[in-house]
Amino acid sequence: MKPDSIDWKNIPDTISKNSFCKICHMSKRTASLYLGTDVPCADNGKTTHRYTIAKADIIDFLERTPERKRRPKRIPAFRCCKTAFCKSPLTGAVESFMREYYSNLLISEKDILNASDICRITGYGKTAVNNWFQSGYLIYVVIRNAKQTSKESLIDFMSSERFDKIYRKSDWHLKQIELLRQNTITEGTADNPTYMP
């Protein structure tokens, strides 16, 4: 849809992600790849009503992005093992690099995490997180009927080949892989990673 075909007078100055999807005719997953990168937005970190987008930024986005090209090129549109950071088996050097990256990324997180915390950080659902617990990928203890793990255990798992080769990756995971690749190419270090929930 072109900007001049929209009645902007009936659209408020700030809108939600759902309204952004309707205006731009794109799915929520595709919108998530644009928000915070090509489209500036305010992110309150909540589960619902998370993003607030300015109308002026949407107009700018529509004017500079033709409808046929409204799919980010930096991040693959599909989620599969081909998007892994390291397609070959992980070496000790690669695991150390990933561990340093994720350690810096989660430096502000608390030391003990529950399933909800892990869902918020990784972008995966509770079913996936519980499977990680049951499969032994995350070492946990039960406190007040809730499974809890250490941040170190989560970092160990996120730096493993099992996490890197997840077939259907979350949007957050895809973004981190892209950032890992950029750090490898441009900096060669894991210093100062950008947190993109």
C-alpha atoms as a PDB file:
ATOM      1  CA  MET A   1       0.000   0.000   0.000  1.00  0.00           C
ATOM      2  CA  LYS A   2       1.285   3.474  -0.914  1.00  0.00           C
ATOM      3  CA  PRO A   3       1.328   6.277   1.701  1.00  0.00           C
ATOM      4  CA  ASP A   4      -0.904   8.565  -0.385  1.00  0.00           C
ATOM      5  CA  SER A   5      -3.642   5.889  -0.504  1.00  0.00           C
ATOM      6  CA  ILE A   6      -4.071   5.950   3.290  1.00  0.00           C
ATOM      7  CA  ASP A   7      -6.292   8.418   5.127  1.00  0.00           C
ATOM      8  CA  TRP A   8      -3.703   9.527   7.696  1.00  0.00           C
ATOM      9  CA  LYS A   9      -6.123  11.984   9.319  1.00  0.00           C
ATOM     10  CA  ASN A  10      -8.009   9.081  10.910  1.00  0.00           C
ATOM     11  CA  ILE A  11      -4.826   7.479  12.238  1.00  0.00           C
ATOM     12  CA  PRO A  12      -3.521   8.605  15.664  1.00  0.00           C
ATOM     13  CA  ASP A  13      -0.010   9.997  16.112  1.00  0.00           C
ATOM     14  CA  THR A  14       1.157   6.749  17.724  1.00  0.00           C
ATOM     15  CA  ILE A  15      -0.089   3.239  16.970  1.00  0.00           C
ATOM     16  CA  SER A  16       0.456  -0.359  18.088  1.00  0.00           C
ATOM     17  CA  LYS A  17       2.205  -3.210  16.302  1.00  0.00           C
ATOM     18  CA  ASN A  18      -1.133  -4.711  15.197  1.00  0.00           C
ATOM     19  CA  SER A  19      -2.149  -1.459  13.525  1.00  0.00           C
ATOM     20  CA  PHE A  20       1.280  -1.215  11.914  1.00  0.00           C
ATOM     21  CA  CYS A  21       0.781  -4.703  10.419  1.00  0.00           C
ATOM     22  CA  LYS A  22      -2.624  -3.747   8.998  1.00  0.00           C
ATOM     23  CA  ILE A  23      -1.359  -0.501   7.484  1.00  0.00           C
ATOM     24  CA  CYS A  24       1.713  -2.118   5.899  1.00  0.00           C
ATOM     25  CA  HIS A  25      -0.029  -5.393   4.961  1.00  0.00           C
ATOM     26  CA  MET A  26       2.554  -7.628   6.619  1.00  0.00           C
ATOM     27  CA  SER A  27       2.545 -10.425   9.168  1.00  0.00           C
ATOM     28  CA  LYS A  28       3.458  -9.915  12.818  1.00  0.00           C
ATOM     29  CA  ARG A  29       6.648 -11.932  12.373  1.00  0.00           C
ATOM     30  CA  THR A  30       7.801  -9.766   9.466  1.00  0.00           C
ATOM     31  CA  ALA A  31       6.894  -6.636  11.426  1.00  0.00           C
ATOM     32  CA  SER A  32       9.019  -7.850  14.341  1.00  0.00           C
ATOM     33  CA  LEU A  33      12.054  -7.955  12.069  1.00  0.00           C
ATOM     34  CA  TYR A  34      11.550  -4.309  11.075  1.00  0.00           C
ATOM     35  CA  LEU A  35      10.636  -2.816  14.457  1.00  0.00           C
ATOM     36  CA  GLY A  36      13.646  -1.322  16.180  1.00  0.00           C
ATOM     37  CA  THR A  37      15.791  -1.575  13.041  1.00  0.00           C
ATOM     38  CA  ASP A  38      14.181   0.025   9.967  1.00  0.00           C
ATOM     39  CA  VAL A  39      11.202   1.389  11.895  1.00  0.00           C
ATOM     40  CA  PRO A  40      11.932   3.299  15.145  1.00  0.00           C
ATOM     41  CA  CYS A  41       9.638   2.353  18.021  1.00  0.00           C
ATOM     42  CA  ALA A  42       9.258   2.518  21.793  1.00  0.00           C
ATOM     43  CA  ASP A  43       9.504  -0.909  23.458  1.00  0.00           C
ATOM     44  CA  ASN A  44       8.139  -1.243  27.009  1.00  0.00           C
ATOM     45  CA  GLY A  45       9.129  -4.931  27.266  1.00  0.00           C
ATOM     46  CA  LYS A  46       5.610  -6.081  28.188  1.00  0.00           C
ATOM     47  CA  THR A  47       3.944  -9.185  26.781  1.00  0.00           C
ATOM     48  CA  THR A  48       1.039  -7.237  25.252  1.00  0.00           C
ATOM     49  CA  HIS A  49       0.862  -3.702  23.830  1.00  0.00           C
ATOM     50  CA  ARG A  50       4.635  -3.798  23.730  1.00  0.00           C
ATOM     51  CA  TYR A  51       5.469  -1.485  20.822  1.00  0.00           C
ATOM     52  CA  THR A  52       4.497   2.133  20.229  1.00  0.00           C
ATOM     53  CA  ILE A  53       5.216   3.451  16.752  1.00  0.00           C
ATOM     54  CA  ALA A  54       5.007   7.063  15.581  1.00  0.00           C
ATOM     55  CA  LYS A  55       2.831   7.777  12.548  1.00  0.00           C
ATOM     56  CA  ALA A  56       5.607   9.887  10.994  1.00  0.00           C
ATOM     57  CA  ASP A  57       8.003   6.924  11.138  1.00  0.00           C
ATOM     58  CA  ILE A  58       5.473   4.676   9.387  1.00  0.00           C
ATOM     59  CA  ILE A  59       4.974   7.215   6.609  1.00  0.00           C
ATOM     60  CA  ASP A  60       8.739   7.455   6.170  1.00  0.00           C
ATOM     61  CA  PHE A  61       9.026   3.649   6.066  1.00  0.00           C
ATOM     62  CA  LEU A  62       6.299   3.291   3.415  1.00  0.00           C
ATOM     63  CA  GLU A  63       7.796   6.053   1.259  1.00  0.00           C
ATOM     64  CA  ARG A  64      11.297   4.550   1.168  1.00  0.00           C
ATOM     65  CA  THR A  65      10.298   0.866   1.044  1.00  0.00           C
ATOM     66  CA  PRO A  66       8.291  -0.384  -1.968  1.00  0.00           C
ATOM     67  CA  GLU A  67       5.672  -2.995  -1.079  1.00  0.00           C
ATOM     68  CA  ARG A  68       7.417  -5.750  -3.044  1.00  0.00           C
ATOM     69  CA  LYS A  69      10.590  -5.185  -1.021  1.00  0.00           C
ATOM     70  CA  ARG A  70       9.030  -5.120   2.443  1.00  0.00           C
ATOM     71  CA  ARG A  71      10.940  -8.120   3.691  1.00  0.00           C
ATOM     72  CA  PRO A  72      14.194  -7.624   5.613  1.00  0.00           C
ATOM     73  CA  LYS A  73      17.245  -8.909   3.750  1.00  0.00           C
ATOM     74  CA  ARG A  74      19.582  -9.092   6.725  1.00  0.00           C
ATOM     75  CA  ILE A  75      17.602 -11.874   8.425  1.00  0.00           C
ATOM     76  CA  PRO A  76      16.283 -14.891   6.473  1.00  0.00           C
ATOM     77  CA  ALA A  77      12.494 -15.057   6.219  1.00  0.00           C
ATOM     78  CA  PHE A  78      12.553 -18.768   7.066  1.00  0.00           C
ATOM     79  CA  ARG A  79      13.570 -20.439  10.313  1.00  0.00           C
ATOM     80  CA  CYS A  80      15.699 -23.504   9.890  1.00  0.00           C
ATOM     81  CA  CYS A  81      19.057 -24.973  10.719  1.00  0.00           C
ATOM     82  CA  LYS A  82      20.556 -23.170   7.706  1.00  0.00           C
ATOM     83  CA  THR A  83      20.408 -19.978   9.788  1.00  0.00           C
ATOM     84  CA  ALA A  84      22.784 -21.397  12.415  1.00  0.00           C
ATOM     85  CA  PHE A  85      25.729 -19.192  13.345  1.00  0.00           C
ATOM     86  CA  CYS A  86      28.140 -22.060  12.637  1.00  0.00           C
ATOM     87  CA  LYS A  87      26.949 -24.603  10.053  1.00  0.00           C
ATOM     88  CA  SER A  88      29.798 -26.997  10.829  1.00  0.00           C
ATOM     89  CA  PRO A  89      30.294 -28.627  14.271  1.00  0.00           C
ATOM     90  CA  LEU A  90      31.235 -26.010  16.877  1.00  0.00           C
ATOM     91  CA  THR A  91      34.890 -25.767  17.797  1.00  0.00           C
ATOM     92  CA  GLY A  92      36.185 -24.689  21.195  1.00  0.00           C
ATOM     93  CA  ALA A  93      37.087 -21.246  19.843  1.00  0.00           C
ATOM     94  CA  VAL A  94      33.593 -20.685  18.429  1.00  0.00           C
ATOM     95  CA  GLU A  95      31.928 -21.852  21.651  1.00  0.00           C
ATOM     96  CA  SER A  96      34.148 -19.475  23.653  1.00  0.00           C
ATOM     97  CA  PHE A  97      33.258 -16.608  21.328  1.00  0.00           C
ATOM     98  CA  MET A  98      29.526 -17.347  21.648  1.00  0.00           C
ATOM     99  CA  ARG A  99      29.787 -17.721  25.409  1.00  0.00           C
ATOM    100  CA  GLU A 100      31.521 -14.361  25.735  1.00  0.00           C
ATOM    101  CA  TYR A 101      28.888 -12.758  23.517  1.00  0.00           C
ATOM    102  CA  TYR A 102      25.916 -14.154  25.448  1.00  0.00           C
ATOM    103  CA  SER A 103      27.589 -13.437  28.814  1.00  0.00           C
ATOM    104  CA  ASN A 104      27.879  -9.767  27.884  1.00  0.00           C
ATOM    105  CA  LEU A 105      24.367  -9.807  26.483  1.00  0.00           C
ATOM    106  CA  LEU A 106      22.813 -11.099  29.730  1.00  0.00           C
ATOM    107  CA  ILE A 107      25.057  -9.196  32.127  1.00  0.00           C
ATOM    108  CA  SER A 108      22.125  -7.223  33.540  1.00  0.00           C
ATOM    109  CA  GLU A 109      19.930 -10.300  34.092  1.00  0.00           C
ATOM    110  CA  LYS A 110      19.520 -11.809  37.569  1.00  0.00           C
ATOM    111  CA  ASP A 111      21.542 -14.888  38.507  1.00  0.00           C
ATOM    112  CA  ILE A 112      18.522 -17.208  39.015  1.00  0.00           C
ATOM    113  CA  LEU A 113      15.983 -17.461  36.192  1.00  0.00           C
ATOM    114  CA  ASN A 114      12.594 -19.138  35.917  1.00  0.00           C
ATOM    115  CA  ALA A 115      10.807 -20.328  32.779  1.00  0.00           C
ATOM    116  CA  SER A 116       9.133 -16.957  32.204  1.00  0.00           C
ATOM    117  CA  ASP A 117      12.488 -15.182  32.370  1.00  0.00           C
ATOM    118  CA  ILE A 118      13.970 -17.566  29.815  1.00  0.00           C
ATOM    119  CA  CYS A 119      10.965 -17.091  27.506  1.00  0.00           C
ATOM    120  CA  ARG A 120      11.377 -13.314  27.753  1.00  0.00           C
ATOM    121  CA  ILE A 121      15.111 -13.467  27.029  1.00  0.00           C
ATOM    122  CA  THR A 122      15.131 -16.023  24.197  1.00  0.00           C
ATOM    123  CA  GLY A 123      11.769 -15.409  22.552  1.00  0.00           C
ATOM    124  CA  TYR A 124      10.834 -19.110  22.789  1.00  0.00           C
ATOM    125  CA  GLY A 125       7.606 -20.374  24.326  1.00  0.00           C
ATOM    126  CA  LYS A 126       7.157 -22.165  27.645  1.00  0.00           C
ATOM    127  CA  THR A 127       6.761 -25.539  25.915  1.00  0.00           C
ATOM    128  CA  ALA A 128      10.217 -25.220  24.363  1.00  0.00           C
ATOM    129  CA  VAL A 129      11.746 -24.039  27.645  1.00  0.00           C
ATOM    130  CA  ASN A 130      10.171 -26.920  29.591  1.00  0.00           C
ATOM    131  CA  ASN A 131      11.539 -29.334  26.989  1.00  0.00           C
ATOM    132  CA  TRP A 132      15.010 -27.889  27.611  1.00  0.00           C
ATOM    133  CA  PHE A 133      14.535 -28.568  31.315  1.00  0.00           C
ATOM    134  CA  GLN A 134      13.288 -32.112  30.794  1.00  0.00           C
ATOM    135  CA  SER A 135      16.017 -32.949  28.270  1.00  0.00           C
ATOM    136  CA  GLY A 136      18.732 -31.843  30.636  1.00  0.00           C
ATOM    137  CA  TYR A 137      19.959 -28.946  28.521  1.00  0.00           C
ATOM    138  CA  LEU A 138      19.262 -26.620  31.452  1.00  0.00           C
ATOM    139  CA  ILE A 139      20.239 -27.708  34.964  1.00  0.00           C
ATOM    140  CA  TYR A 140      17.430 -26.717  37.309  1.00  0.00           C
ATOM    141  CA  VAL A 141      16.050 -26.941  40.817  1.00  0.00           C
ATOM    142  CA  VAL A 142      12.415 -26.770  41.875  1.00  0.00           C
ATOM    143  CA  ILE A 143      11.613 -23.871  44.198  1.00  0.00           C
ATOM    144  CA  ARG A 144       7.991 -23.350  45.244  1.00  0.00           C
ATOM    145  CA  ASN A 145       6.793 -25.694  42.503  1.00  0.00           C
ATOM    146  CA  ALA A 146       8.651 -23.699  39.835  1.00  0.00           C
ATOM    147  CA  LYS A 147      11.711 -24.813  37.889  1.00  0.00           C
ATOM    148  CA  GLN A 148      14.591 -22.385  38.163  1.00  0.00           C
ATOM    149  CA  THR A 149      18.040 -22.390  36.628  1.00  0.00           C
ATOM    150  CA  SER A 150      21.161 -20.279  36.872  1.00  0.00           C
ATOM    151  CA  LYS A 151      22.133 -17.674  34.328  1.00  0.00           C
ATOM    152  CA  GLU A 152      25.382 -19.585  33.810  1.00  0.00           C
ATOM    153  CA  SER A 153      23.442 -22.717  32.838  1.00  0.00           C
ATOM    154  CA  LEU A 154      21.419 -20.734  30.301  1.00  0.00           C
ATOM    155  CA  ILE A 155      24.580 -19.186  28.845  1.00  0.00           C
ATOM    156  CA  ASP A 156      26.156 -22.644  28.567  1.00  0.00           C
ATOM    157  CA  PHE A 157      23.123 -23.892  26.637  1.00  0.00           C
ATOM    158  CA  MET A 158      22.940 -20.816  24.399  1.00  0.00           C
ATOM    159  CA  SER A 159      26.622 -21.325  23.532  1.00  0.00           C
ATOM    160  CA  SER A 160      26.085 -24.984  22.618  1.00  0.00           C
ATOM    161  CA  GLU A 161      25.640 -26.627  19.234  1.00  0.00           C
ATOM    162  CA  ARG A 162      22.203 -27.882  20.302  1.00  0.00           C
ATOM    163  CA  PHE A 163      20.921 -24.313  20.744  1.00  0.00           C
ATOM    164  CA  ASP A 164      22.650 -23.070  17.587  1.00  0.00           C
ATOM    165  CA  LYS A 165      21.086 -25.839  15.487  1.00  0.00           C
ATOM    166  CA  ILE A 166      17.478 -25.353  16.664  1.00  0.00           C
ATOM    167  CA  TYR A 167      15.381 -25.902  13.529  1.00  0.00           C
ATOM    168  CA  ARG A 168      12.606 -23.358  14.116  1.00  0.00           C
ATOM    169  CA  LYS A 169      14.282 -20.342  15.642  1.00  0.00           C
ATOM    170  CA  SER A 170      12.599 -17.445  17.430  1.00  0.00           C
ATOM    171  CA  ASP A 171      12.880 -13.938  15.976  1.00  0.00           C
ATOM    172  CA  TRP A 172      15.201 -12.987  18.854  1.00  0.00           C
ATOM    173  CA  HIS A 173      17.475 -15.957  18.093  1.00  0.00           C
ATOM    174  CA  LEU A 174      17.681 -15.030  14.402  1.00  0.00           C
ATOM    175  CA  LYS A 175      18.635 -11.470  15.314  1.00  0.00           C
ATOM    176  CA  GLN A 176      21.370 -12.628  17.671  1.00  0.00           C
ATOM    177  CA  ILE A 177      22.843 -14.898  14.982  1.00  0.00           C
ATOM    178  CA  GLU A 178      22.970 -11.945  12.614  1.00  0.00           C
ATOM    179  CA  LEU A 179      24.673  -9.826  15.271  1.00  0.00           C
ATOM    180  CA  LEU A 180      27.126 -12.620  16.022  1.00  0.00           C
ATOM    181  CA  ARG A 181      28.057 -12.740  12.351  1.00  0.00           C
ATOM    182  CA  GLN A 182      28.487  -8.968  12.225  1.00  0.00           C
ATOM    183  CA  ASN A 183      30.735  -9.016  15.303  1.00  0.00           C
ATOM    184  CA  THR A 184      32.794 -11.804  13.782  1.00  0.00           C
ATOM    185  CA  ILE A 185      33.267  -9.944  10.510  1.00  0.00           C
ATOM    186  CA  THR A 186      33.640  -6.353  11.689  1.00  0.00           C
ATOM    187  CA  GLU A 187      35.053  -6.617  15.196  1.00  0.00           C
ATOM    188  CA  GLY A 188      36.105 -10.176  15.843  1.00  0.00           C
ATOM    189  CA  THR A 189      35.043  -9.818  19.492  1.00  0.00           C
ATOM    190  CA  ALA A 190      31.903 -10.191  21.574  1.00  0.00           C
ATOM    191  CA  ASP A 191      32.257  -6.814  23.279  1.00  0.00           C
ATOM    192  CA  ASN A 192      29.220  -4.553  23.654  1.00  0.00           C
ATOM    193  CA  PRO A 193      26.530  -6.665  21.933  1.00  0.00           C
ATOM    194  CA  THR A 194      23.179  -5.038  21.252  1.00  0.00           C
ATOM    195  CA  TYR A 195      20.254  -6.488  23.199  1.00  0.00           C
ATOM    196  CA  MET A 196      17.329  -6.996  20.825  1.00  0.00           C
ATOM    197  CA  PRO A 197      14.455  -8.775  22.532  1.00  0.00           C
END
